[in-house]
Amino acid sequence: MEVKVGIASFQGDVEEHLAATREALKKLGVKGLVATVKLPEEIESVDAVIIPGGESTVMGRLSSYKKSLDVLKRRIDEGLPVLGTCAGLILLAKRVYDRIVGETGQPVLGVLNILVERNTYGRQRDSFEAQIDVPPLGLNNFRAVFIRAPGILETESDVEILAYFAKRPVAVRQESILGTTFHPELSGSTAFHEELVRLAMGYRSR
């Protein structure tokens, strides 16, 4: 079986996710293609997608302008596996809140049943790393890199919390949707990308 993973390239740290996903395929011994996707027809062709970190407002506007947001939402609703990291998590969230302006009204996919707060841990200069455990993925002392990280304020009952930091959820799963407030592609581990590849294989074989 060969799977195709797309990295949404509206904006953000695309190259790091390309490299991490290719390494994940190699580690799992899975044949696959990793490519950037932006246009609706490109999104239609993949078995899983990654929405990287970046600037969520810009990403939302660019993707909705291209009608890609509509295609992405429909495919995720149909079961397409997705990994959203940092700004990508914000784009997935049902509700987005800002500490300064409150509800943002920005374009989002609204597929992940969480309330996210932007810039929970501060601005770029407040970025940091922390060691966290992710028991469902068998990870101990995982190096989590937080860069202008959002915070998950609320989760609904169908959302599984995969990891906490300072008693707050920082990684979640809802069926085939994975989301992190940190940047797993910068961790030196491909565990989250491997999990997405496994989900992609299951999706492909349906």
N, C-alpha and C. Protein backbone atom coordinates (compact mmCIF):
# COMPACT_ATOMS: atom_id res chain seq x y z
N MET A 1 0.84 -1.20 0.00
CA MET A 1 0.00 0.00 0.00
C MET A 1 0.88 1.25 0.00
N GLU A 2 0.51 2.22 -0.82
CA GLU A 2 1.23 3.49 -0.87
C GLU A 2 0.29 4.60 -0.43
N VAL A 3 0.76 5.44 0.48
CA VAL A 3 -0.08 6.52 0.98
C VAL A 3 0.50 7.87 0.55
N LYS A 4 -0.38 8.85 0.46
CA LYS A 4 0.05 10.21 0.10
C LYS A 4 -0.35 11.16 1.22
N VAL A 5 0.67 11.83 1.76
CA VAL A 5 0.45 12.80 2.84
C VAL A 5 0.71 14.20 2.29
N GLY A 6 -0.24 15.09 2.48
CA GLY A 6 -0.08 16.45 2.01
C GLY A 6 0.23 17.40 3.16
N ILE A 7 1.14 18.33 2.92
CA ILE A 7 1.45 19.38 3.89
C ILE A 7 0.80 20.67 3.36
N ALA A 8 -0.19 21.18 4.08
CA ALA A 8 -0.87 22.40 3.65
C ALA A 8 0.13 23.55 3.64
N SER A 9 0.35 24.12 2.46
CA SER A 9 1.43 25.11 2.31
C SER A 9 0.89 26.52 2.10
N PHE A 10 -0.19 26.85 2.83
CA PHE A 10 -0.72 28.21 2.75
C PHE A 10 0.29 29.19 3.35
N GLN A 11 0.96 28.75 4.42
CA GLN A 11 1.93 29.58 5.13
C GLN A 11 2.45 28.75 6.29
N GLY A 12 3.66 29.04 6.79
CA GLY A 12 4.14 28.34 7.98
C GLY A 12 5.35 27.46 7.71
N ASP A 13 5.70 26.62 8.71
CA ASP A 13 6.93 25.83 8.66
C ASP A 13 6.70 24.51 7.92
N VAL A 14 6.57 24.61 6.62
CA VAL A 14 6.23 23.48 5.76
C VAL A 14 7.40 22.50 5.62
N GLU A 15 8.60 23.00 5.40
CA GLU A 15 9.77 22.15 5.12
C GLU A 15 10.04 21.16 6.25
N GLU A 16 9.89 21.61 7.48
CA GLU A 16 10.17 20.74 8.63
C GLU A 16 9.20 19.57 8.67
N HIS A 17 7.95 19.83 8.32
CA HIS A 17 6.95 18.75 8.28
C HIS A 17 7.19 17.79 7.12
N LEU A 18 7.62 18.32 5.99
CA LEU A 18 7.98 17.45 4.86
C LEU A 18 9.05 16.46 5.27
N ALA A 19 10.10 16.98 5.92
CA ALA A 19 11.22 16.12 6.34
C ALA A 19 10.79 15.11 7.39
N ALA A 20 10.01 15.55 8.38
CA ALA A 20 9.59 14.66 9.46
C ALA A 20 8.67 13.55 8.94
N THR A 21 7.80 13.88 7.99
CA THR A 21 6.88 12.88 7.45
C THR A 21 7.61 11.86 6.60
N ARG A 22 8.57 12.31 5.81
CA ARG A 22 9.37 11.38 5.01
C ARG A 22 10.14 10.43 5.92
N GLU A 23 10.66 10.96 7.03
CA GLU A 23 11.40 10.12 7.98
C GLU A 23 10.45 9.12 8.65
N ALA A 24 9.22 9.56 8.93
CA ALA A 24 8.23 8.67 9.55
C ALA A 24 7.88 7.51 8.62
N LEU A 25 7.69 7.80 7.34
CA LEU A 25 7.42 6.74 6.36
C LEU A 25 8.57 5.73 6.33
N LYS A 26 9.79 6.27 6.36
CA LYS A 26 10.98 5.42 6.32
C LYS A 26 11.06 4.52 7.55
N LYS A 27 10.81 5.09 8.73
CA LYS A 27 10.87 4.32 9.97
C LYS A 27 9.83 3.21 10.00
N LEU A 28 8.64 3.50 9.46
CA LEU A 28 7.56 2.52 9.47
C LEU A 28 7.66 1.53 8.31
N GLY A 29 8.57 1.80 7.37
CA GLY A 29 8.70 0.94 6.20
C GLY A 29 7.49 1.01 5.29
N VAL A 30 6.89 2.19 5.22
CA VAL A 30 5.68 2.38 4.41
C VAL A 30 6.04 3.14 3.13
N LYS A 31 5.57 2.64 2.01
CA LYS A 31 5.76 3.36 0.76
C LYS A 31 4.79 4.54 0.73
N GLY A 32 5.32 5.70 0.33
CA GLY A 32 4.43 6.84 0.32
C GLY A 32 5.05 8.05 -0.34
N LEU A 33 4.20 9.02 -0.56
CA LEU A 33 4.59 10.29 -1.16
C LEU A 33 4.21 11.40 -0.21
N VAL A 34 5.11 12.35 -0.02
CA VAL A 34 4.82 13.53 0.80
C VAL A 34 4.95 14.75 -0.10
N ALA A 35 3.92 15.56 -0.15
CA ALA A 35 3.94 16.71 -1.06
C ALA A 35 3.21 17.90 -0.44
N THR A 36 3.56 19.08 -0.88
CA THR A 36 2.83 20.27 -0.45
C THR A 36 1.49 20.33 -1.19
N VAL A 37 0.48 20.80 -0.51
CA VAL A 37 -0.84 20.96 -1.13
C VAL A 37 -1.38 22.35 -0.77
N LYS A 38 -2.07 22.94 -1.71
CA LYS A 38 -2.64 24.27 -1.51
C LYS A 38 -3.99 24.40 -2.22
N LEU A 39 -4.05 23.92 -3.45
CA LEU A 39 -5.25 24.05 -4.26
C LEU A 39 -6.26 22.95 -3.91
N PRO A 40 -7.56 23.20 -4.13
CA PRO A 40 -8.58 22.21 -3.81
C PRO A 40 -8.32 20.84 -4.43
N GLU A 41 -7.91 20.82 -5.70
CA GLU A 41 -7.68 19.53 -6.37
C GLU A 41 -6.50 18.78 -5.76
N GLU A 42 -5.53 19.50 -5.21
CA GLU A 42 -4.40 18.85 -4.54
C GLU A 42 -4.85 18.23 -3.22
N ILE A 43 -5.70 18.94 -2.50
CA ILE A 43 -6.22 18.44 -1.22
C ILE A 43 -7.09 17.19 -1.45
N GLU A 44 -7.77 17.15 -2.58
CA GLU A 44 -8.63 16.00 -2.90
C GLU A 44 -7.82 14.72 -3.09
N SER A 45 -6.51 14.84 -3.37
CA SER A 45 -5.72 13.68 -3.79
C SER A 45 -4.98 12.97 -2.65
N VAL A 46 -5.06 13.49 -1.41
CA VAL A 46 -4.22 12.95 -0.34
C VAL A 46 -4.99 12.00 0.58
N ASP A 47 -4.22 11.18 1.33
CA ASP A 47 -4.78 10.25 2.31
C ASP A 47 -4.66 10.78 3.73
N ALA A 48 -3.96 11.87 3.91
CA ALA A 48 -3.83 12.56 5.20
C ALA A 48 -3.24 13.93 4.92
N VAL A 49 -3.45 14.85 5.86
CA VAL A 49 -2.92 16.20 5.65
C VAL A 49 -2.38 16.74 6.97
N ILE A 50 -1.35 17.57 6.86
CA ILE A 50 -0.78 18.26 8.02
C ILE A 50 -0.97 19.75 7.82
N ILE A 51 -1.51 20.42 8.84
CA ILE A 51 -1.62 21.88 8.83
C ILE A 51 -0.57 22.41 9.80
N PRO A 52 0.48 23.04 9.28
CA PRO A 52 1.62 23.40 10.13
C PRO A 52 1.39 24.65 10.96
N GLY A 53 2.40 24.97 11.77
CA GLY A 53 2.40 26.22 12.50
C GLY A 53 2.63 27.39 11.56
N GLY A 54 2.33 28.58 12.04
CA GLY A 54 2.48 29.78 11.23
C GLY A 54 1.61 30.86 11.82
N GLU A 55 0.92 31.60 10.99
CA GLU A 55 -0.01 32.64 11.44
C GLU A 55 -1.41 32.21 11.04
N SER A 56 -2.21 31.82 12.02
CA SER A 56 -3.50 31.17 11.73
C SER A 56 -4.46 32.08 10.97
N THR A 57 -4.45 33.37 11.27
CA THR A 57 -5.36 34.29 10.58
C THR A 57 -5.02 34.37 9.10
N VAL A 58 -3.72 34.51 8.80
CA VAL A 58 -3.27 34.57 7.41
C VAL A 58 -3.58 33.26 6.69
N MET A 59 -3.29 32.13 7.36
CA MET A 59 -3.57 30.83 6.76
C MET A 59 -5.05 30.66 6.43
N GLY A 60 -5.90 31.08 7.36
CA GLY A 60 -7.33 30.95 7.15
C GLY A 60 -7.82 31.79 5.99
N ARG A 61 -7.32 33.01 5.88
CA ARG A 61 -7.73 33.89 4.79
C ARG A 61 -7.25 33.38 3.44
N LEU A 62 -5.99 32.94 3.39
CA LEU A 62 -5.44 32.45 2.13
C LEU A 62 -6.16 31.19 1.66
N SER A 63 -6.41 30.29 2.59
CA SER A 63 -7.04 29.02 2.21
C SER A 63 -8.50 29.21 1.82
N SER A 64 -9.20 30.14 2.49
CA SER A 64 -10.60 30.36 2.14
C SER A 64 -10.71 31.08 0.81
N TYR A 65 -9.74 31.94 0.52
CA TYR A 65 -9.71 32.64 -0.76
C TYR A 65 -9.59 31.64 -1.91
N LYS A 66 -8.84 30.60 -1.71
CA LYS A 66 -8.63 29.58 -2.73
C LYS A 66 -9.72 28.51 -2.71
N LYS A 67 -10.72 28.65 -1.83
CA LYS A 67 -11.78 27.66 -1.66
C LYS A 67 -11.24 26.34 -1.07
N SER A 68 -9.97 26.37 -0.68
CA SER A 68 -9.36 25.15 -0.15
C SER A 68 -9.91 24.80 1.23
N LEU A 69 -10.30 25.81 1.99
CA LEU A 69 -10.81 25.57 3.33
C LEU A 69 -12.09 24.72 3.27
N ASP A 70 -12.95 25.00 2.29
CA ASP A 70 -14.19 24.24 2.14
C ASP A 70 -13.91 22.77 1.82
N VAL A 71 -12.96 22.54 0.91
CA VAL A 71 -12.60 21.17 0.52
C VAL A 71 -11.97 20.43 1.70
N LEU A 72 -11.09 21.13 2.42
CA LEU A 72 -10.41 20.53 3.57
C LEU A 72 -11.43 20.14 4.65
N LYS A 73 -12.36 21.03 4.93
CA LYS A 73 -13.40 20.74 5.94
C LYS A 73 -14.24 19.53 5.53
N ARG A 74 -14.66 19.51 4.27
CA ARG A 74 -15.47 18.39 3.81
C ARG A 74 -14.73 17.07 3.93
N ARG A 75 -13.46 17.05 3.52
CA ARG A 75 -12.69 15.81 3.56
C ARG A 75 -12.43 15.35 4.99
N ILE A 76 -12.16 16.29 5.90
CA ILE A 76 -11.95 15.92 7.31
C ILE A 76 -13.25 15.39 7.89
N ASP A 77 -14.37 16.02 7.56
CA ASP A 77 -15.68 15.54 8.01
C ASP A 77 -15.94 14.12 7.51
N GLU A 78 -15.39 13.80 6.34
CA GLU A 78 -15.55 12.46 5.77
C GLU A 78 -14.55 11.45 6.32
N GLY A 79 -13.64 11.91 7.21
CA GLY A 79 -12.71 10.99 7.86
C GLY A 79 -11.26 11.14 7.49
N LEU A 80 -10.91 12.11 6.64
CA LEU A 80 -9.50 12.30 6.27
C LEU A 80 -8.66 12.57 7.52
N PRO A 81 -7.60 11.78 7.78
CA PRO A 81 -6.73 12.04 8.93
C PRO A 81 -6.00 13.38 8.77
N VAL A 82 -5.87 14.09 9.89
CA VAL A 82 -5.21 15.39 9.86
C VAL A 82 -4.43 15.60 11.14
N LEU A 83 -3.29 16.26 11.01
CA LEU A 83 -2.47 16.70 12.15
C LEU A 83 -2.34 18.21 12.06
N GLY A 84 -2.83 18.90 13.08
CA GLY A 84 -2.69 20.35 13.13
C GLY A 84 -1.77 20.73 14.27
N THR A 85 -0.72 21.51 13.97
CA THR A 85 0.26 21.88 15.00
C THR A 85 0.27 23.39 15.18
N CYS A 86 0.17 23.84 16.42
CA CYS A 86 0.22 25.25 16.79
C CYS A 86 -0.86 26.03 16.03
N ALA A 87 -0.51 26.84 15.06
CA ALA A 87 -1.52 27.58 14.28
C ALA A 87 -2.45 26.62 13.55
N GLY A 88 -1.93 25.46 13.15
CA GLY A 88 -2.77 24.45 12.51
C GLY A 88 -3.86 23.95 13.44
N LEU A 89 -3.53 23.83 14.73
CA LEU A 89 -4.53 23.45 15.74
C LEU A 89 -5.61 24.52 15.83
N ILE A 90 -5.21 25.78 15.79
CA ILE A 90 -6.18 26.88 15.84
C ILE A 90 -7.13 26.79 14.66
N LEU A 91 -6.59 26.49 13.49
CA LEU A 91 -7.42 26.40 12.28
C LEU A 91 -8.43 25.24 12.37
N LEU A 92 -8.07 24.18 13.09
CA LEU A 92 -8.96 23.03 13.25
C LEU A 92 -10.08 23.28 14.27
N ALA A 93 -9.84 24.16 15.22
CA ALA A 93 -10.71 24.30 16.39
C ALA A 93 -12.11 24.81 16.06
N LYS A 94 -13.06 24.38 16.88
CA LYS A 94 -14.44 24.84 16.73
C LYS A 94 -14.57 26.30 17.13
N ARG A 95 -13.85 26.68 18.20
CA ARG A 95 -13.91 28.08 18.68
C ARG A 95 -12.51 28.57 18.97
N VAL A 96 -12.27 29.84 18.62
CA VAL A 96 -10.96 30.47 18.84
C VAL A 96 -11.15 31.76 19.62
N TYR A 97 -10.33 31.90 20.65
CA TYR A 97 -10.43 33.04 21.57
C TYR A 97 -9.06 33.70 21.65
N ASP A 98 -9.07 35.02 21.83
CA ASP A 98 -7.82 35.76 22.01
C ASP A 98 -7.86 36.48 23.36
N ARG A 99 -6.76 36.42 24.07
CA ARG A 99 -6.74 37.01 25.40
C ARG A 99 -7.06 38.50 25.38
N ILE A 100 -6.73 39.16 24.26
CA ILE A 100 -6.92 40.61 24.16
C ILE A 100 -8.28 40.97 23.55
N VAL A 101 -8.60 40.36 22.41
CA VAL A 101 -9.80 40.77 21.66
C VAL A 101 -10.99 39.84 21.86
N GLY A 102 -10.83 38.74 22.61
CA GLY A 102 -11.93 37.81 22.82
C GLY A 102 -12.13 36.91 21.62
N GLU A 103 -13.40 36.60 21.29
CA GLU A 103 -13.69 35.76 20.12
C GLU A 103 -13.15 36.44 18.87
N THR A 104 -12.43 35.68 18.05
CA THR A 104 -11.70 36.31 16.94
C THR A 104 -12.51 36.41 15.65
N GLY A 105 -13.43 35.49 15.42
CA GLY A 105 -14.20 35.52 14.18
C GLY A 105 -13.38 35.18 12.95
N GLN A 106 -12.15 34.66 13.14
CA GLN A 106 -11.30 34.34 12.00
C GLN A 106 -11.79 33.08 11.29
N PRO A 107 -11.45 32.90 10.00
CA PRO A 107 -11.85 31.68 9.29
C PRO A 107 -11.20 30.45 9.92
N VAL A 108 -12.02 29.48 10.29
CA VAL A 108 -11.50 28.22 10.85
C VAL A 108 -12.28 27.05 10.23
N LEU A 109 -11.73 25.86 10.39
CA LEU A 109 -12.39 24.66 9.89
C LEU A 109 -13.51 24.21 10.82
N GLY A 110 -13.32 24.42 12.12
CA GLY A 110 -14.36 24.09 13.08
C GLY A 110 -14.66 22.60 13.22
N VAL A 111 -13.64 21.76 13.01
CA VAL A 111 -13.86 20.30 13.02
C VAL A 111 -13.42 19.64 14.32
N LEU A 112 -12.65 20.34 15.13
CA LEU A 112 -12.12 19.78 16.38
C LEU A 112 -12.84 20.45 17.55
N ASN A 113 -13.47 19.64 18.40
CA ASN A 113 -14.35 20.16 19.44
C ASN A 113 -13.59 20.68 20.66
N ILE A 114 -12.89 21.78 20.43
CA ILE A 114 -12.12 22.42 21.50
C ILE A 114 -12.27 23.94 21.40
N LEU A 115 -12.01 24.61 22.51
CA LEU A 115 -11.88 26.06 22.54
C LEU A 115 -10.40 26.37 22.71
N VAL A 116 -9.84 27.14 21.77
CA VAL A 116 -8.42 27.47 21.78
C VAL A 116 -8.23 28.95 22.05
N GLU A 117 -7.23 29.26 22.87
CA GLU A 117 -6.84 30.65 23.12
C GLU A 117 -5.51 30.91 22.42
N ARG A 118 -5.46 31.95 21.63
CA ARG A 118 -4.21 32.29 20.92
C ARG A 118 -3.20 32.91 21.88
N ASN A 119 -1.92 32.61 21.62
CA ASN A 119 -0.80 33.23 22.35
C ASN A 119 -0.92 33.09 23.87
N THR A 120 -1.38 31.92 24.31
CA THR A 120 -1.55 31.69 25.75
C THR A 120 -0.26 31.91 26.53
N TYR A 121 0.85 31.46 25.96
CA TYR A 121 2.12 31.50 26.69
C TYR A 121 2.96 32.74 26.34
N GLY A 122 2.35 33.69 25.64
CA GLY A 122 3.08 34.91 25.30
C GLY A 122 3.50 34.96 23.84
N ARG A 123 4.30 35.94 23.50
CA ARG A 123 4.71 36.18 22.12
C ARG A 123 5.97 35.39 21.78
N GLN A 124 6.57 35.70 20.64
CA GLN A 124 7.72 34.95 20.12
C GLN A 124 8.85 34.86 21.15
N ARG A 125 9.12 35.95 21.85
CA ARG A 125 10.24 35.97 22.81
C ARG A 125 9.98 35.07 24.01
N ASP A 126 8.72 34.67 24.19
CA ASP A 126 8.37 33.81 25.32
C ASP A 126 8.36 32.33 24.96
N SER A 127 8.87 32.00 23.77
CA SER A 127 8.93 30.61 23.33
C SER A 127 9.82 29.79 24.28
N PHE A 128 9.50 28.49 24.41
CA PHE A 128 10.26 27.65 25.34
C PHE A 128 10.12 26.18 24.95
N GLU A 129 10.91 25.35 25.60
CA GLU A 129 10.82 23.90 25.43
C GLU A 129 10.49 23.26 26.77
N ALA A 130 9.82 22.10 26.71
CA ALA A 130 9.48 21.38 27.93
C ALA A 130 9.46 19.89 27.64
N GLN A 131 9.75 19.10 28.66
CA GLN A 131 9.67 17.65 28.55
C GLN A 131 8.27 17.21 28.98
N ILE A 132 7.57 16.50 28.10
CA ILE A 132 6.23 16.04 28.44
C ILE A 132 6.12 14.54 28.16
N ASP A 133 5.13 13.92 28.78
CA ASP A 133 4.82 12.51 28.51
C ASP A 133 3.56 12.45 27.64
N VAL A 134 3.57 11.53 26.69
CA VAL A 134 2.41 11.31 25.82
C VAL A 134 2.08 9.82 25.90
N PRO A 135 1.42 9.39 26.98
CA PRO A 135 1.20 7.95 27.22
C PRO A 135 0.53 7.20 26.06
N PRO A 136 -0.51 7.74 25.40
CA PRO A 136 -1.14 6.98 24.32
C PRO A 136 -0.22 6.67 23.15
N LEU A 137 0.85 7.46 23.00
CA LEU A 137 1.82 7.20 21.93
C LEU A 137 3.09 6.55 22.47
N GLY A 138 3.06 6.20 23.75
CA GLY A 138 4.21 5.53 24.37
C GLY A 138 5.42 6.41 24.53
N LEU A 139 5.21 7.70 24.72
CA LEU A 139 6.33 8.65 24.78
C LEU A 139 6.54 9.17 26.19
N ASN A 140 7.79 9.10 26.63
CA ASN A 140 8.20 9.71 27.89
C ASN A 140 9.28 10.75 27.61
N ASN A 141 9.22 11.85 28.34
CA ASN A 141 10.21 12.93 28.18
C ASN A 141 10.32 13.38 26.72
N PHE A 142 9.17 13.57 26.10
CA PHE A 142 9.13 14.07 24.73
C PHE A 142 9.48 15.56 24.74
N ARG A 143 10.35 15.95 23.82
CA ARG A 143 10.79 17.35 23.75
C ARG A 143 9.76 18.19 22.99
N ALA A 144 8.96 18.92 23.72
CA ALA A 144 7.91 19.75 23.12
C ALA A 144 8.41 21.19 22.98
N VAL A 145 8.33 21.71 21.76
CA VAL A 145 8.80 23.06 21.46
C VAL A 145 7.58 23.97 21.29
N PHE A 146 7.45 24.94 22.20
CA PHE A 146 6.32 25.86 22.19
C PHE A 146 6.76 27.22 21.64
N ILE A 147 6.20 27.63 20.52
CA ILE A 147 6.54 28.90 19.88
C ILE A 147 5.26 29.70 19.68
N ARG A 148 5.10 30.79 20.43
CA ARG A 148 3.86 31.57 20.39
C ARG A 148 2.66 30.62 20.51
N ALA A 149 2.76 29.72 21.44
CA ALA A 149 1.83 28.59 21.49
C ALA A 149 0.44 28.99 21.96
N PRO A 150 -0.58 28.40 21.33
CA PRO A 150 -1.94 28.57 21.83
C PRO A 150 -2.18 27.68 23.03
N GLY A 151 -3.30 27.89 23.70
CA GLY A 151 -3.69 27.04 24.82
C GLY A 151 -5.06 26.44 24.56
N ILE A 152 -5.24 25.19 24.99
CA ILE A 152 -6.54 24.54 24.88
C ILE A 152 -7.30 24.79 26.18
N LEU A 153 -8.35 25.60 26.11
CA LEU A 153 -9.09 25.99 27.31
C LEU A 153 -10.21 25.00 27.66
N GLU A 154 -10.85 24.42 26.63
CA GLU A 154 -11.95 23.50 26.85
C GLU A 154 -11.90 22.38 25.82
N THR A 155 -12.30 21.18 26.23
CA THR A 155 -12.45 20.05 25.31
C THR A 155 -13.81 19.41 25.53
N GLU A 156 -14.44 18.96 24.46
CA GLU A 156 -15.72 18.27 24.59
C GLU A 156 -15.46 16.78 24.85
N SER A 157 -16.52 16.04 25.16
CA SER A 157 -16.38 14.67 25.65
C SER A 157 -15.78 13.70 24.62
N ASP A 158 -15.87 14.03 23.32
CA ASP A 158 -15.33 13.13 22.29
C ASP A 158 -13.86 13.40 21.98
N VAL A 159 -13.25 14.30 22.73
CA VAL A 159 -11.84 14.64 22.52
C VAL A 159 -10.98 13.94 23.58
N GLU A 160 -10.03 13.14 23.11
CA GLU A 160 -9.09 12.44 24.01
C GLU A 160 -7.88 13.33 24.23
N ILE A 161 -7.52 13.54 25.48
CA ILE A 161 -6.33 14.33 25.79
C ILE A 161 -5.12 13.40 25.82
N LEU A 162 -4.16 13.65 24.95
CA LEU A 162 -2.98 12.81 24.82
C LEU A 162 -1.85 13.22 25.75
N ALA A 163 -1.77 14.54 26.05
CA ALA A 163 -0.66 15.03 26.86
C ALA A 163 -1.04 16.34 27.54
N TYR A 164 -0.43 16.55 28.70
CA TYR A 164 -0.62 17.78 29.46
C TYR A 164 0.73 18.48 29.66
N PHE A 165 0.67 19.79 29.83
CA PHE A 165 1.80 20.55 30.34
C PHE A 165 1.22 21.58 31.32
N ALA A 166 1.79 21.62 32.52
CA ALA A 166 1.30 22.54 33.56
C ALA A 166 -0.22 22.38 33.75
N LYS A 167 -0.68 21.12 33.76
CA LYS A 167 -2.07 20.75 34.00
C LYS A 167 -3.03 21.21 32.90
N ARG A 168 -2.50 21.60 31.76
CA ARG A 168 -3.34 22.03 30.64
C ARG A 168 -3.11 21.11 29.45
N PRO A 169 -4.17 20.73 28.72
CA PRO A 169 -3.98 19.87 27.54
C PRO A 169 -3.10 20.55 26.50
N VAL A 170 -2.17 19.78 25.94
CA VAL A 170 -1.31 20.33 24.87
C VAL A 170 -1.29 19.44 23.63
N ALA A 171 -1.90 18.24 23.72
CA ALA A 171 -2.05 17.36 22.56
C ALA A 171 -3.36 16.61 22.70
N VAL A 172 -4.13 16.56 21.62
CA VAL A 172 -5.46 15.95 21.67
C VAL A 172 -5.72 15.11 20.42
N ARG A 173 -6.72 14.23 20.55
CA ARG A 173 -7.14 13.43 19.40
C ARG A 173 -8.66 13.31 19.44
N GLN A 174 -9.27 13.50 18.28
CA GLN A 174 -10.71 13.30 18.10
C GLN A 174 -10.89 12.46 16.84
N GLU A 175 -11.12 11.16 17.04
CA GLU A 175 -11.17 10.21 15.93
C GLU A 175 -9.87 10.30 15.12
N SER A 176 -9.92 10.74 13.86
CA SER A 176 -8.69 10.78 13.05
C SER A 176 -8.07 12.17 12.99
N ILE A 177 -8.45 13.03 13.94
CA ILE A 177 -7.88 14.38 14.02
C ILE A 177 -6.89 14.43 15.18
N LEU A 178 -5.66 14.81 14.88
CA LEU A 178 -4.63 15.02 15.90
C LEU A 178 -4.30 16.51 15.97
N GLY A 179 -4.13 17.02 17.19
CA GLY A 179 -3.77 18.43 17.32
C GLY A 179 -2.79 18.63 18.47
N THR A 180 -1.80 19.51 18.24
CA THR A 180 -0.83 19.85 19.29
C THR A 180 -0.66 21.35 19.36
N THR A 181 -0.45 21.85 20.58
CA THR A 181 -0.17 23.28 20.73
C THR A 181 1.32 23.57 20.49
N PHE A 182 2.12 22.52 20.46
CA PHE A 182 3.57 22.65 20.23
C PHE A 182 3.93 22.20 18.82
N HIS A 183 5.23 22.19 18.54
CA HIS A 183 5.74 21.86 17.20
C HIS A 183 6.46 20.51 17.23
N PRO A 184 5.75 19.38 16.98
CA PRO A 184 6.41 18.07 17.01
C PRO A 184 7.46 17.90 15.93
N GLU A 185 7.34 18.66 14.84
CA GLU A 185 8.31 18.56 13.74
C GLU A 185 9.68 19.11 14.13
N LEU A 186 9.76 19.83 15.27
CA LEU A 186 11.03 20.39 15.75
C LEU A 186 11.58 19.60 16.95
N SER A 187 10.94 18.50 17.28
CA SER A 187 11.26 17.78 18.52
C SER A 187 12.42 16.81 18.38
N GLY A 188 12.75 16.43 17.13
CA GLY A 188 13.72 15.36 16.92
C GLY A 188 13.09 13.99 16.93
N SER A 189 11.76 13.94 17.16
CA SER A 189 11.01 12.69 17.15
C SER A 189 9.97 12.75 16.03
N THR A 190 9.70 11.61 15.42
CA THR A 190 8.68 11.56 14.37
C THR A 190 7.42 10.83 14.85
N ALA A 191 7.25 10.71 16.16
CA ALA A 191 6.16 9.90 16.72
C ALA A 191 4.78 10.37 16.26
N PHE A 192 4.54 11.67 16.25
CA PHE A 192 3.23 12.18 15.84
C PHE A 192 3.02 11.98 14.34
N HIS A 193 4.08 12.13 13.56
CA HIS A 193 3.98 11.92 12.12
C HIS A 193 3.77 10.44 11.80
N GLU A 194 4.39 9.57 12.60
CA GLU A 194 4.17 8.13 12.43
C GLU A 194 2.71 7.77 12.73
N GLU A 195 2.15 8.37 13.76
CA GLU A 195 0.75 8.11 14.10
C GLU A 195 -0.16 8.57 12.96
N LEU A 196 0.15 9.71 12.35
CA LEU A 196 -0.65 10.19 11.22
C LEU A 196 -0.54 9.23 10.04
N VAL A 197 0.65 8.71 9.79
CA VAL A 197 0.84 7.75 8.69
C VAL A 197 0.00 6.50 8.95
N ARG A 198 -0.03 6.02 10.19
CA ARG A 198 -0.86 4.86 10.52
C ARG A 198 -2.34 5.14 10.25
N LEU A 199 -2.77 6.33 10.62
CA LEU A 199 -4.15 6.73 10.36
C LEU A 199 -4.42 6.79 8.86
N ALA A 200 -3.44 7.29 8.11
CA ALA A 200 -3.57 7.39 6.65
C ALA A 200 -3.69 6.01 6.02
N MET A 201 -2.94 5.06 6.54
CA MET A 201 -3.02 3.69 6.02
C MET A 201 -4.41 3.09 6.28
N GLY A 202 -4.94 3.33 7.48
CA GLY A 202 -6.27 2.85 7.79
C GLY A 202 -7.33 3.51 6.91
N TYR A 203 -7.16 4.79 6.67
CA TYR A 203 -8.09 5.53 5.81
C TYR A 203 -8.03 5.02 4.38
N ARG A 204 -6.82 4.76 3.91
CA ARG A 204 -6.62 4.30 2.52
C ARG A 204 -7.24 2.93 2.31
N SER A 205 -7.20 2.10 3.34
CA SER A 205 -7.66 0.72 3.18
C SER A 205 -9.16 0.55 3.43
N ARG A 206 -9.85 1.65 3.72
CA ARG A 206 -11.30 1.55 3.99
C ARG A 206 -12.08 1.10 2.75
